[in-house]
């Protein structure tokens, strides 16, 4: 039986029929949902409209910053705190000196342990905006503020 090609490569394929009944299939396992405390932490994160702003000193920076630049300046300033206590750092919930363990993903054995350095190390930040939003003036304002 010959059939001409009509542009659909699947036209000559037989439809799929499962070989085992659906009753033998096991339902997929999904990870546990967020705990209530995790949901509350996510809800309590500041949105873009209620983030703090910061003005650089006028003696150093004479160019007025736009509202989004003032918000990012406050964020960058917050990342520069030497004690690591950042308003936006949701990972800084463990006290300094806490021990963390790196585990092998297959065997779950501890392969390395290290202490939290949050009290001694600034968390740092990343200024990654679209081109043209004023990253240069924000960096200069941060330097002028500090």
C-alpha atoms as a PDB file:
ATOM      1  CA  UNK A   1       0.000   0.000   0.000  1.00  0.00           C
ATOM      2  CA  UNK A   2       1.641   3.162  -1.195  1.00  0.00           C
ATOM      3  CA  UNK A   3       0.666   6.583  -0.019  1.00  0.00           C
ATOM      4  CA  UNK A   4       1.934   9.940  -1.257  1.00  0.00           C
ATOM      5  CA  UNK A   5       3.671  12.264   1.156  1.00  0.00           C
ATOM      6  CA  UNK A   6       1.279  15.047   2.198  1.00  0.00           C
ATOM      7  CA  UNK A   7       3.715  17.181   4.262  1.00  0.00           C
ATOM      8  CA  UNK A   8       2.935  15.511   7.591  1.00  0.00           C
ATOM      9  CA  UNK A   9       5.681  13.081   8.565  1.00  0.00           C
ATOM     10  CA  UNK A  10       3.491  11.598  11.304  1.00  0.00           C
ATOM     11  CA  UNK A  11       0.625  10.683   8.972  1.00  0.00           C
ATOM     12  CA  UNK A  12       2.152   7.256   8.325  1.00  0.00           C
ATOM     13  CA  UNK A  13       2.753   6.530  12.035  1.00  0.00           C
ATOM     14  CA  UNK A  14       0.412   4.377  14.040  1.00  0.00           C
ATOM     15  CA  UNK A  15      -1.275   6.058  17.017  1.00  0.00           C
ATOM     16  CA  UNK A  16       0.285   5.358  20.410  1.00  0.00           C
ATOM     17  CA  UNK A  17      -1.472   2.797  22.570  1.00  0.00           C
ATOM     18  CA  UNK A  18      -0.201   2.173  26.111  1.00  0.00           C
ATOM     19  CA  UNK A  19       0.905  -1.390  26.793  1.00  0.00           C
ATOM     20  CA  UNK A  20      -0.080  -1.428  30.464  1.00  0.00           C
ATOM     21  CA  UNK A  21      -3.379  -0.376  32.008  1.00  0.00           C
ATOM     22  CA  UNK A  22      -3.523   3.040  33.671  1.00  0.00           C
ATOM     23  CA  UNK A  23      -4.282   1.463  37.040  1.00  0.00           C
ATOM     24  CA  UNK A  24      -0.666   0.227  37.295  1.00  0.00           C
ATOM     25  CA  UNK A  25       0.773   3.725  36.954  1.00  0.00           C
ATOM     26  CA  UNK A  26       2.038   5.418  40.091  1.00  0.00           C
ATOM     27  CA  UNK A  27       1.193   9.082  40.571  1.00  0.00           C
ATOM     28  CA  UNK A  28       4.120  11.483  40.329  1.00  0.00           C
ATOM     29  CA  UNK A  29       5.639  12.696  43.562  1.00  0.00           C
ATOM     30  CA  UNK A  30       5.850  16.426  44.085  1.00  0.00           C
ATOM     31  CA  UNK A  31       7.980  18.309  46.613  1.00  0.00           C
ATOM     32  CA  UNK A  32       6.321  19.382  49.814  1.00  0.00           C
ATOM     33  CA  UNK A  33       4.619  22.776  49.572  1.00  0.00           C
ATOM     34  CA  UNK A  34       6.105  25.828  51.245  1.00  0.00           C
ATOM     35  CA  UNK A  35       5.735  25.903  54.976  1.00  0.00           C
ATOM     36  CA  UNK A  36       3.638  28.686  56.406  1.00  0.00           C
ATOM     37  CA  UNK A  37       6.727  30.488  57.654  1.00  0.00           C
ATOM     38  CA  UNK A  38       8.280  30.437  54.163  1.00  0.00           C
ATOM     39  CA  UNK A  39       5.098  31.878  52.679  1.00  0.00           C
ATOM     40  CA  UNK A  40       5.053  34.579  55.328  1.00  0.00           C
ATOM     41  CA  UNK A  41       8.679  35.457  54.587  1.00  0.00           C
ATOM     42  CA  UNK A  42       7.878  35.798  50.888  1.00  0.00           C
ATOM     43  CA  UNK A  43       4.839  37.962  51.598  1.00  0.00           C
ATOM     44  CA  UNK A  44       6.874  40.216  53.898  1.00  0.00           C
ATOM     45  CA  UNK A  45       9.491  40.964  51.231  1.00  0.00           C
ATOM     46  CA  UNK A  46       9.245  44.586  50.152  1.00  0.00           C
ATOM     47  CA  UNK A  47       7.746  45.284  46.747  1.00  0.00           C
ATOM     48  CA  UNK A  48       9.076  47.861  44.341  1.00  0.00           C
ATOM     49  CA  UNK A  49       6.706  50.543  45.590  1.00  0.00           C
ATOM     50  CA  UNK A  50       7.668  50.375  49.268  1.00  0.00           C
ATOM     51  CA  UNK A  51      11.444  50.049  49.018  1.00  0.00           C
ATOM     52  CA  UNK A  52      13.462  52.735  50.808  1.00  0.00           C
ATOM     53  CA  UNK A  53      15.210  55.444  48.840  1.00  0.00           C
ATOM     54  CA  UNK A  54      18.422  57.321  49.509  1.00  0.00           C
ATOM     55  CA  UNK A  55      19.748  60.669  48.337  1.00  0.00           C
ATOM     56  CA  UNK A  56      23.484  61.094  47.754  1.00  0.00           C
ATOM     57  CA  UNK A  57      25.216  64.102  49.335  1.00  0.00           C
ATOM     58  CA  UNK A  58      24.859  67.203  47.140  1.00  0.00           C
ATOM     59  CA  UNK A  59      28.482  68.165  47.720  1.00  0.00           C
ATOM     60  CA  UNK A  60      29.638  65.099  45.753  1.00  0.00           C
ATOM     61  CA  UNK A  61      26.819  64.399  43.277  1.00  0.00           C
ATOM     62  CA  UNK A  62      25.109  67.370  41.672  1.00  0.00           C
ATOM     63  CA  UNK A  63      23.077  65.359  39.162  1.00  0.00           C
ATOM     64  CA  UNK A  64      19.627  64.608  40.593  1.00  0.00           C
ATOM     65  CA  UNK A  65      18.888  60.895  40.728  1.00  0.00           C
ATOM     66  CA  UNK A  66      15.658  59.462  39.364  1.00  0.00           C
ATOM     67  CA  UNK A  67      13.368  57.552  41.782  1.00  0.00           C
ATOM     68  CA  UNK A  68      14.523  54.108  40.606  1.00  0.00           C
ATOM     69  CA  UNK A  69      18.156  55.189  40.983  1.00  0.00           C
ATOM     70  CA  UNK A  70      17.529  56.349  44.563  1.00  0.00           C
ATOM     71  CA  UNK A  71      15.971  52.967  45.355  1.00  0.00           C
ATOM     72  CA  UNK A  72      18.942  51.096  43.919  1.00  0.00           C
ATOM     73  CA  UNK A  73      21.354  53.389  45.745  1.00  0.00           C
ATOM     74  CA  UNK A  74      19.640  52.474  49.023  1.00  0.00           C
ATOM     75  CA  UNK A  75      19.872  48.780  48.093  1.00  0.00           C
ATOM     76  CA  UNK A  76      23.578  49.039  47.236  1.00  0.00           C
ATOM     77  CA  UNK A  77      24.261  51.015  50.421  1.00  0.00           C
ATOM     78  CA  UNK A  78      22.475  48.327  52.402  1.00  0.00           C
ATOM     79  CA  UNK A  79      24.728  45.690  50.821  1.00  0.00           C
ATOM     80  CA  UNK A  80      27.823  47.560  51.983  1.00  0.00           C
ATOM     81  CA  UNK A  81      27.158  47.178  55.718  1.00  0.00           C
ATOM     82  CA  UNK A  82      30.240  45.549  57.262  1.00  0.00           C
ATOM     83  CA  UNK A  83      28.215  43.484  59.752  1.00  0.00           C
ATOM     84  CA  UNK A  84      26.276  41.665  57.024  1.00  0.00           C
ATOM     85  CA  UNK A  85      22.869  42.682  58.377  1.00  0.00           C
ATOM     86  CA  UNK A  86      21.118  43.661  55.196  1.00  0.00           C
ATOM     87  CA  UNK A  87      17.468  44.654  54.973  1.00  0.00           C
ATOM     88  CA  UNK A  88      17.015  42.735  51.729  1.00  0.00           C
ATOM     89  CA  UNK A  89      19.189  39.707  52.482  1.00  0.00           C
ATOM     90  CA  UNK A  90      16.659  36.946  53.237  1.00  0.00           C
ATOM     91  CA  UNK A  91      19.492  34.417  53.509  1.00  0.00           C
ATOM     92  CA  UNK A  92      21.057  36.227  56.481  1.00  0.00           C
ATOM     93  CA  UNK A  93      18.739  34.540  58.959  1.00  0.00           C
ATOM     94  CA  UNK A  94      21.336  32.317  60.601  1.00  0.00           C
ATOM     95  CA  UNK A  95      23.401  33.770  63.433  1.00  0.00           C
ATOM     96  CA  UNK A  96      27.137  34.300  62.920  1.00  0.00           C
ATOM     97  CA  UNK A  97      29.168  31.214  63.736  1.00  0.00           C
ATOM     98  CA  UNK A  98      26.477  28.773  62.576  1.00  0.00           C
ATOM     99  CA  UNK A  99      27.875  25.658  60.947  1.00  0.00           C
ATOM    100  CA  UNK A 100      26.755  24.717  57.450  1.00  0.00           C
ATOM    101  CA  UNK A 101      27.345  21.364  55.782  1.00  0.00           C
ATOM    102  CA  UNK A 102      27.898  20.683  52.096  1.00  0.00           C
ATOM    103  CA  UNK A 103      26.539  17.230  51.250  1.00  0.00           C
ATOM    104  CA  UNK A 104      27.133  14.848  48.383  1.00  0.00           C
ATOM    105  CA  UNK A 105      24.003  14.969  46.234  1.00  0.00           C
ATOM    106  CA  UNK A 106      23.972  11.180  45.712  1.00  0.00           C
ATOM    107  CA  UNK A 107      25.145   9.725  49.035  1.00  0.00           C
ATOM    108  CA  UNK A 108      23.995  12.589  51.299  1.00  0.00           C
ATOM    109  CA  UNK A 109      27.302  12.380  53.181  1.00  0.00           C
ATOM    110  CA  UNK A 110      28.849  15.573  54.538  1.00  0.00           C
ATOM    111  CA  UNK A 111      31.810  16.450  52.343  1.00  0.00           C
ATOM    112  CA  UNK A 112      32.634  19.849  53.828  1.00  0.00           C
ATOM    113  CA  UNK A 113      31.606  21.959  56.810  1.00  0.00           C
ATOM    114  CA  UNK A 114      32.053  25.674  57.203  1.00  0.00           C
ATOM    115  CA  UNK A 115      30.961  28.430  59.561  1.00  0.00           C
ATOM    116  CA  UNK A 116      28.783  31.378  58.687  1.00  0.00           C
ATOM    117  CA  UNK A 117      30.804  34.528  58.090  1.00  0.00           C
ATOM    118  CA  UNK A 118      27.846  36.883  57.907  1.00  0.00           C
ATOM    119  CA  UNK A 119      29.066  38.995  60.809  1.00  0.00           C
ATOM    120  CA  UNK A 120      32.499  39.546  59.254  1.00  0.00           C
ATOM    121  CA  UNK A 121      31.799  39.829  55.533  1.00  0.00           C
ATOM    122  CA  UNK A 122      29.629  42.329  53.678  1.00  0.00           C
ATOM    123  CA  UNK A 123      27.103  40.404  51.582  1.00  0.00           C
ATOM    124  CA  UNK A 124      27.806  42.433  48.445  1.00  0.00           C
ATOM    125  CA  UNK A 125      25.379  43.179  45.665  1.00  0.00           C
ATOM    126  CA  UNK A 126      24.988  43.174  41.926  1.00  0.00           C
ATOM    127  CA  UNK A 127      23.937  46.217  39.938  1.00  0.00           C
ATOM    128  CA  UNK A 128      22.443  44.609  36.839  1.00  0.00           C
ATOM    129  CA  UNK A 129      19.886  46.848  35.163  1.00  0.00           C
ATOM    130  CA  UNK A 130      19.068  47.355  31.520  1.00  0.00           C
ATOM    131  CA  UNK A 131      21.347  49.672  29.581  1.00  0.00           C
ATOM    132  CA  UNK A 132      20.499  53.324  29.945  1.00  0.00           C
ATOM    133  CA  UNK A 133      19.022  53.231  33.454  1.00  0.00           C
ATOM    134  CA  UNK A 134      21.996  54.993  35.036  1.00  0.00           C
ATOM    135  CA  UNK A 135      24.237  52.330  36.580  1.00  0.00           C
ATOM    136  CA  UNK A 136      27.277  54.586  36.271  1.00  0.00           C
ATOM    137  CA  UNK A 137      25.710  57.466  38.205  1.00  0.00           C
ATOM    138  CA  UNK A 138      24.429  54.978  40.796  1.00  0.00           C
ATOM    139  CA  UNK A 139      27.937  53.576  41.292  1.00  0.00           C
ATOM    140  CA  UNK A 140      29.389  57.097  41.516  1.00  0.00           C
ATOM    141  CA  UNK A 141      26.658  58.069  43.993  1.00  0.00           C
ATOM    142  CA  UNK A 142      27.481  55.011  46.110  1.00  0.00           C
ATOM    143  CA  UNK A 143      31.163  55.946  46.141  1.00  0.00           C
ATOM    144  CA  UNK A 144      30.277  59.564  46.958  1.00  0.00           C
ATOM    145  CA  UNK A 145      27.958  58.490  49.766  1.00  0.00           C
ATOM    146  CA  UNK A 146      30.536  56.251  51.379  1.00  0.00           C
END
